[in-house]
Amino acid sequence: MLKKQDPRNQRTRQSIIDAFYTLAKRKNFEEISIGDITEEAKINRSTFYYHFVDKYDLVDAIQQEIITNKLFKDIEEQEAISEKTIILTLQAIINSQTGLSLQCQRAYDAFKPKVESEIKKHLTQSLQQLLTKQYGQHPDHFVTATFWSWGIYGVATACIQGEETLHTAVPKLMNIINFNSQININ
């Protein structure tokens, strides 16, 4: 706990993360060593190990920060699943994936599957919470939220690849969600 509260430790931790991003633009993930990170961050190895177990722990921390702190904050503040929720969700996924791939160009493919899995898991939880807010407790909320989260993630990926646009995707997703809600929720 003390590590997170001390501003010096926060700056050092951020310096390590920034160093990783810098290296990930030039090198594949497998090529990045702890020595590379410490040299780029201008710290010693023990300082790195004070903050992270290894480079995989560093990547996990980056993913968790992106997913929990940035990606789902606006979504979880919604009162119900609506067009605004879908737009926020698509934009968050698109922005996080695009930003992460730009920041970690050479290393992105190595941890993309884990990021995708974590996004879907957290999105499922967020949508399940919104369903409970909107309709009360129901045993089918988890399955419904899982179905929607995987679909929304897939549509966001299609938008990133240029196969779909937000303008056309949102109404289609809302039709599916409204249809599914009428069948399963009521």
Protein backbone atom coordinates (compact mmCIF):
# COMPACT_ATOMS: atom_id res chain seq x y z
CA MET A 1 0.00 0.00 0.00
CA LEU A 2 2.74 2.45 0.87
CA LYS A 3 4.22 2.10 -2.63
CA LYS A 4 1.08 3.51 -4.23
CA GLN A 5 0.74 6.47 -1.86
CA ASP A 6 4.30 7.77 -2.12
CA PRO A 7 4.56 10.24 -5.05
CA ARG A 8 8.20 9.23 -5.69
CA ASN A 9 7.20 5.60 -6.03
CA GLN A 10 4.33 6.55 -8.32
CA ARG A 11 6.72 8.55 -10.53
CA THR A 12 9.22 5.68 -10.62
CA ARG A 13 6.49 3.17 -11.45
CA GLN A 14 5.24 5.43 -14.25
CA SER A 15 8.81 5.85 -15.49
CA ILE A 16 9.11 2.06 -15.77
CA ILE A 17 5.81 1.86 -17.67
CA ASP A 18 6.87 4.69 -19.99
CA ALA A 19 10.20 2.97 -20.61
CA PHE A 20 8.38 -0.22 -21.55
CA TYR A 21 6.13 1.70 -23.98
CA THR A 22 9.20 3.32 -25.57
CA LEU A 23 10.92 -0.04 -25.98
CA ALA A 24 7.77 -1.75 -27.25
CA LYS A 25 7.70 0.65 -30.19
CA ARG A 26 11.11 -0.62 -31.29
CA LYS A 27 11.28 -4.23 -30.13
CA ASN A 28 9.16 -7.35 -29.97
CA PHE A 29 8.04 -8.27 -26.47
CA GLU A 30 10.37 -11.29 -26.35
CA GLU A 31 13.35 -9.03 -27.13
CA ILE A 32 12.69 -6.61 -24.26
CA SER A 33 14.76 -7.43 -21.20
CA ILE A 34 14.63 -6.09 -17.66
CA GLY A 35 18.03 -4.54 -18.39
CA ASP A 36 16.56 -2.70 -21.37
CA ILE A 37 13.71 -1.38 -19.24
CA THR A 38 15.95 -0.28 -16.37
CA GLU A 39 18.38 1.40 -18.75
CA GLU A 40 15.56 3.26 -20.52
CA ALA A 41 13.96 4.28 -17.21
CA LYS A 42 17.37 5.20 -15.75
CA ILE A 43 16.86 3.07 -12.66
CA ASN A 44 18.64 0.03 -11.21
CA ARG A 45 17.32 -3.53 -11.36
CA SER A 46 16.36 -3.64 -7.69
CA THR A 47 14.12 -0.62 -8.22
CA PHE A 48 12.38 -2.42 -11.07
CA TYR A 49 11.91 -5.52 -8.90
CA TYR A 50 10.56 -3.38 -6.07
CA HIS A 51 7.64 -2.49 -8.37
CA PHE A 52 7.26 -5.58 -10.58
CA VAL A 53 8.10 -9.28 -10.38
CA ASP A 54 9.14 -9.47 -14.05
CA LYS A 55 8.20 -8.03 -17.43
CA TYR A 56 5.03 -10.16 -17.53
CA ASP A 57 3.92 -8.62 -14.24
CA LEU A 58 4.61 -5.19 -15.76
CA VAL A 59 2.44 -6.00 -18.79
CA ASP A 60 -0.32 -7.34 -16.50
CA ALA A 61 -0.21 -4.10 -14.50
CA ILE A 62 -0.45 -2.02 -17.69
CA GLN A 63 -3.38 -4.09 -18.94
CA GLN A 64 -5.22 -3.88 -15.62
CA GLU A 65 -4.70 -0.12 -15.45
CA ILE A 66 -6.04 0.37 -18.96
CA ILE A 67 -8.99 -1.94 -18.45
CA THR A 68 -10.10 -1.08 -14.94
CA ASN A 69 -9.20 2.57 -14.69
CA LYS A 70 -9.88 3.89 -18.14
CA LEU A 71 -11.95 1.52 -20.20
CA PHE A 72 -14.96 0.82 -18.01
CA LYS A 73 -15.20 3.86 -15.76
CA ASP A 74 -17.77 5.74 -17.91
CA ILE A 75 -19.69 2.56 -18.65
CA GLU A 76 -20.10 1.60 -15.01
CA GLU A 77 -21.46 5.06 -14.21
CA GLN A 78 -24.44 4.52 -16.53
CA GLU A 79 -27.84 3.70 -15.03
CA ALA A 80 -29.04 1.44 -17.84
CA ILE A 81 -27.90 -0.12 -21.07
CA SER A 82 -28.70 2.42 -23.74
CA GLU A 83 -27.38 3.76 -27.01
CA LYS A 84 -25.03 5.98 -25.01
CA THR A 85 -23.68 2.92 -23.17
CA ILE A 86 -23.03 1.12 -26.46
CA ILE A 87 -21.29 4.17 -27.96
CA LEU A 88 -19.12 4.58 -24.83
CA THR A 89 -18.27 0.89 -24.87
CA LEU A 90 -17.34 0.77 -28.55
CA GLN A 91 -15.29 3.95 -28.30
CA ALA A 92 -13.50 2.70 -25.19
CA ILE A 93 -12.57 -0.61 -26.81
CA ILE A 94 -11.52 1.02 -30.07
CA ASN A 95 -9.46 3.69 -28.29
CA SER A 96 -7.79 1.23 -25.93
CA GLN A 97 -6.90 -1.25 -28.68
CA THR A 98 -5.70 1.43 -31.07
CA GLY A 99 -3.74 3.24 -28.36
CA LEU A 100 -2.18 0.07 -27.03
CA SER A 101 -1.18 -1.12 -30.50
CA LEU A 102 0.41 2.27 -31.23
CA GLN A 103 2.20 2.47 -27.89
CA CYS A 104 3.43 -1.11 -28.10
CA GLN A 105 3.67 -1.57 -31.85
CA ARG A 106 6.21 -4.38 -31.90
CA ALA A 107 5.09 -6.10 -28.66
CA TYR A 108 1.32 -5.80 -29.07
CA ASP A 109 0.72 -9.16 -30.75
CA ALA A 110 2.36 -10.98 -27.83
CA PHE A 111 -0.19 -9.82 -25.30
CA LYS A 112 -3.22 -9.02 -27.47
CA PRO A 113 -5.04 -12.30 -26.59
CA LYS A 114 -4.76 -11.58 -22.86
CA VAL A 115 -5.96 -8.01 -23.32
CA GLU A 116 -8.93 -9.25 -25.34
CA SER A 117 -9.82 -11.81 -22.68
CA GLU A 118 -9.57 -9.23 -19.88
CA ILE A 119 -11.66 -6.68 -21.78
CA LYS A 120 -14.41 -9.24 -22.41
CA LYS A 121 -14.35 -10.37 -18.77
CA HIS A 122 -14.60 -6.83 -17.38
CA LEU A 123 -17.17 -5.80 -19.98
CA THR A 124 -19.30 -8.80 -19.03
CA GLN A 125 -19.13 -7.74 -15.37
CA SER A 126 -20.01 -4.13 -16.21
CA LEU A 127 -22.95 -5.12 -18.40
CA GLN A 128 -24.17 -7.60 -15.79
CA GLN A 129 -24.12 -4.82 -13.17
CA LEU A 130 -26.07 -2.54 -15.52
CA LEU A 131 -28.64 -5.26 -16.17
CA THR A 132 -29.08 -5.70 -12.42
CA LYS A 133 -29.45 -1.92 -11.96
CA GLN A 134 -32.01 -1.80 -14.75
CA TYR A 135 -34.00 -4.99 -14.13
CA GLY A 136 -33.04 -6.30 -10.68
CA GLN A 137 -31.36 -9.63 -9.96
CA HIS A 138 -31.93 -12.35 -12.54
CA PRO A 139 -30.06 -15.64 -13.14
CA ASP A 140 -29.78 -15.02 -16.90
CA HIS A 141 -27.90 -11.71 -16.56
CA PHE A 142 -24.48 -13.36 -16.72
CA VAL A 143 -25.21 -15.24 -19.95
CA THR A 144 -26.85 -12.19 -21.51
CA ALA A 145 -23.96 -9.92 -20.50
CA THR A 146 -21.41 -12.44 -21.81
CA PHE A 147 -23.22 -12.71 -25.15
CA TRP A 148 -23.39 -8.93 -25.47
CA SER A 149 -19.78 -8.32 -24.39
CA TRP A 150 -18.36 -10.75 -26.93
CA GLY A 151 -20.57 -9.29 -29.65
CA ILE A 152 -19.69 -5.72 -28.78
CA TYR A 153 -16.00 -6.60 -28.70
CA GLY A 154 -16.31 -8.24 -32.11
CA VAL A 155 -18.06 -5.20 -33.57
CA ALA A 156 -15.40 -2.90 -32.09
CA THR A 157 -12.75 -5.05 -33.76
CA ALA A 158 -14.66 -4.79 -37.04
CA CYS A 159 -14.67 -1.00 -36.64
CA ILE A 160 -10.90 -0.98 -36.05
CA GLN A 161 -10.41 -3.08 -39.18
CA GLY A 162 -12.66 -0.78 -41.23
CA GLU A 163 -15.37 -3.40 -41.80
CA GLU A 164 -17.94 -1.43 -39.80
CA THR A 165 -18.42 2.12 -38.53
CA LEU A 166 -19.77 3.41 -35.23
CA HIS A 167 -22.56 5.11 -37.14
CA THR A 168 -23.82 1.82 -38.60
CA ALA A 169 -22.81 -0.49 -35.73
CA VAL A 170 -24.66 1.21 -32.86
CA PRO A 171 -28.19 0.83 -34.28
CA LYS A 172 -27.50 -2.81 -35.18
CA LEU A 173 -26.23 -3.57 -31.69
CA MET A 174 -29.17 -1.75 -30.11
CA ASN A 175 -31.59 -3.86 -32.17
CA ILE A 176 -29.93 -7.05 -30.93
CA ILE A 177 -29.84 -5.83 -27.34
CA ASN A 178 -33.46 -4.66 -27.38
CA PHE A 179 -34.62 -7.91 -28.99
CA ASN A 180 -32.60 -10.00 -26.54
CA SER A 181 -33.86 -7.94 -23.60
CA GLN A 182 -37.50 -8.50 -24.56
CA ILE A 183 -36.97 -12.26 -24.76
CA ASN A 184 -34.72 -12.93 -21.77
CA ILE A 185 -35.21 -10.15 -19.26
CA ASN A 186 -38.99 -9.82 -19.13
